[in-house]
Amino acid sequence: MRQKNWRLVIVGVVLIVLAIGFFLFMMGMAPKSNDPAAMMRTVGQVSGAVGGIAVVMVLFGLIGRKPQA
């Protein structure tokens, strides 16, 4: 049976929360920007990349690793 890597799962969940929080925080800053559409495009790309990495971390953590013999 594989052992779940809970550290990887926890870090992945924290990164997902931080990515969502960053996106929502920057939505409040967008009206003050000179080019809100370009700023939100960049923020969305960064948040999406971090969220994608976090999802992969959670999946690898839940899949786990083989126990050492």
C-alpha atoms as a PDB file:
ATOM      1  CA  MET A   1       0.000   0.000   0.000  1.00  0.00           C
ATOM      2  CA  ARG A   2       1.255   3.452  -0.833  1.00  0.00           C
ATOM      3  CA  GLN A   3       1.935   6.025   1.878  1.00  0.00           C
ATOM      4  CA  LYS A   4       0.303   9.401   1.394  1.00  0.00           C
ATOM      5  CA  ASN A   5       2.611  12.394   1.615  1.00  0.00           C
ATOM      6  CA  TRP A   6       0.561  14.731   3.813  1.00  0.00           C
ATOM      7  CA  ARG A   7       3.171  17.495   3.730  1.00  0.00           C
ATOM      8  CA  LEU A   8       2.784  17.770  -0.027  1.00  0.00           C
ATOM      9  CA  VAL A   9      -1.014  17.792   0.259  1.00  0.00           C
ATOM     10  CA  ILE A  10      -1.003  20.524   2.922  1.00  0.00           C
ATOM     11  CA  VAL A  11       1.429  22.727   0.993  1.00  0.00           C
ATOM     12  CA  GLY A  12      -0.666  22.278  -2.154  1.00  0.00           C
ATOM     13  CA  VAL A  13      -3.857  23.305  -0.369  1.00  0.00           C
ATOM     14  CA  VAL A  14      -2.129  26.345   1.159  1.00  0.00           C
ATOM     15  CA  LEU A  15      -0.852  27.384  -2.284  1.00  0.00           C
ATOM     16  CA  ILE A  16      -4.357  27.077  -3.741  1.00  0.00           C
ATOM     17  CA  VAL A  17      -5.735  29.309  -0.984  1.00  0.00           C
ATOM     18  CA  LEU A  18      -2.923  31.835  -1.511  1.00  0.00           C
ATOM     19  CA  ALA A  19      -3.493  31.907  -5.286  1.00  0.00           C
ATOM     20  CA  ILE A  20      -7.213  32.558  -4.811  1.00  0.00           C
ATOM     21  CA  GLY A  21      -6.499  35.192  -2.157  1.00  0.00           C
ATOM     22  CA  PHE A  22      -3.944  36.928  -4.399  1.00  0.00           C
ATOM     23  CA  PHE A  23      -6.406  36.998  -7.297  1.00  0.00           C
ATOM     24  CA  LEU A  24      -9.202  38.429  -5.149  1.00  0.00           C
ATOM     25  CA  PHE A  25      -6.882  41.001  -3.545  1.00  0.00           C
ATOM     26  CA  MET A  26      -5.665  42.188  -6.931  1.00  0.00           C
ATOM     27  CA  MET A  27      -9.248  42.494  -8.197  1.00  0.00           C
ATOM     28  CA  GLY A  28      -9.661  45.260  -5.636  1.00  0.00           C
ATOM     29  CA  MET A  29      -6.519  46.977  -6.908  1.00  0.00           C
ATOM     30  CA  ALA A  30      -7.486  46.776 -10.602  1.00  0.00           C
ATOM     31  CA  PRO A  31      -9.642  49.930 -10.755  1.00  0.00           C
ATOM     32  CA  LYS A  32      -6.651  51.994  -9.596  1.00  0.00           C
ATOM     33  CA  SER A  33      -4.419  50.667 -12.384  1.00  0.00           C
ATOM     34  CA  ASN A  34      -3.669  52.502 -15.633  1.00  0.00           C
ATOM     35  CA  ASP A  35      -4.492  49.339 -17.606  1.00  0.00           C
ATOM     36  CA  PRO A  36      -6.755  47.115 -15.496  1.00  0.00           C
ATOM     37  CA  ALA A  37      -7.324  44.542 -18.251  1.00  0.00           C
ATOM     38  CA  ALA A  38      -3.609  43.900 -18.756  1.00  0.00           C
ATOM     39  CA  MET A  39      -2.995  43.792 -15.022  1.00  0.00           C
ATOM     40  CA  MET A  40      -5.760  41.246 -14.443  1.00  0.00           C
ATOM     41  CA  ARG A  41      -4.528  39.175 -17.386  1.00  0.00           C
ATOM     42  CA  THR A  42      -1.105  38.959 -15.754  1.00  0.00           C
ATOM     43  CA  VAL A  43      -2.589  38.297 -12.315  1.00  0.00           C
ATOM     44  CA  GLY A  44      -4.784  35.549 -13.769  1.00  0.00           C
ATOM     45  CA  GLN A  45      -1.816  33.887 -15.449  1.00  0.00           C
ATOM     46  CA  VAL A  46       0.230  33.957 -12.244  1.00  0.00           C
ATOM     47  CA  SER A  47      -2.664  32.696 -10.118  1.00  0.00           C
ATOM     48  CA  GLY A  48      -3.448  29.992 -12.646  1.00  0.00           C
ATOM     49  CA  ALA A  49       0.150  28.803 -12.767  1.00  0.00           C
ATOM     50  CA  VAL A  50       0.427  28.650  -8.982  1.00  0.00           C
ATOM     51  CA  GLY A  51      -2.964  26.948  -8.743  1.00  0.00           C
ATOM     52  CA  GLY A  52      -1.950  24.382 -11.363  1.00  0.00           C
ATOM     53  CA  ILE A  53       1.294  23.575  -9.560  1.00  0.00           C
ATOM     54  CA  ALA A  54      -0.648  23.292  -6.311  1.00  0.00           C
ATOM     55  CA  VAL A  55      -3.170  20.853  -7.805  1.00  0.00           C
ATOM     56  CA  VAL A  56      -0.327  18.666  -9.082  1.00  0.00           C
ATOM     57  CA  MET A  57       1.270  18.741  -5.619  1.00  0.00           C
ATOM     58  CA  VAL A  58      -1.996  17.656  -3.996  1.00  0.00           C
ATOM     59  CA  LEU A  59      -2.431  14.827  -6.501  1.00  0.00           C
ATOM     60  CA  PHE A  60       1.118  13.552  -6.043  1.00  0.00           C
ATOM     61  CA  GLY A  61       0.701  13.783  -2.282  1.00  0.00           C
ATOM     62  CA  LEU A  62      -2.518  11.776  -2.360  1.00  0.00           C
ATOM     63  CA  ILE A  63      -1.087   9.164  -4.712  1.00  0.00           C
ATOM     64  CA  GLY A  64       1.821   8.752  -2.328  1.00  0.00           C
ATOM     65  CA  ARG A  65       4.950   6.698  -2.598  1.00  0.00           C
ATOM     66  CA  LYS A  66       5.856   3.076  -2.219  1.00  0.00           C
ATOM     67  CA  PRO A  67       6.855   2.069   1.312  1.00  0.00           C
ATOM     68  CA  GLN A  68      10.536   1.389   1.790  1.00  0.00           C
ATOM     69  CA  ALA A  69      11.447  -2.250   2.156  1.00  0.00           C
END
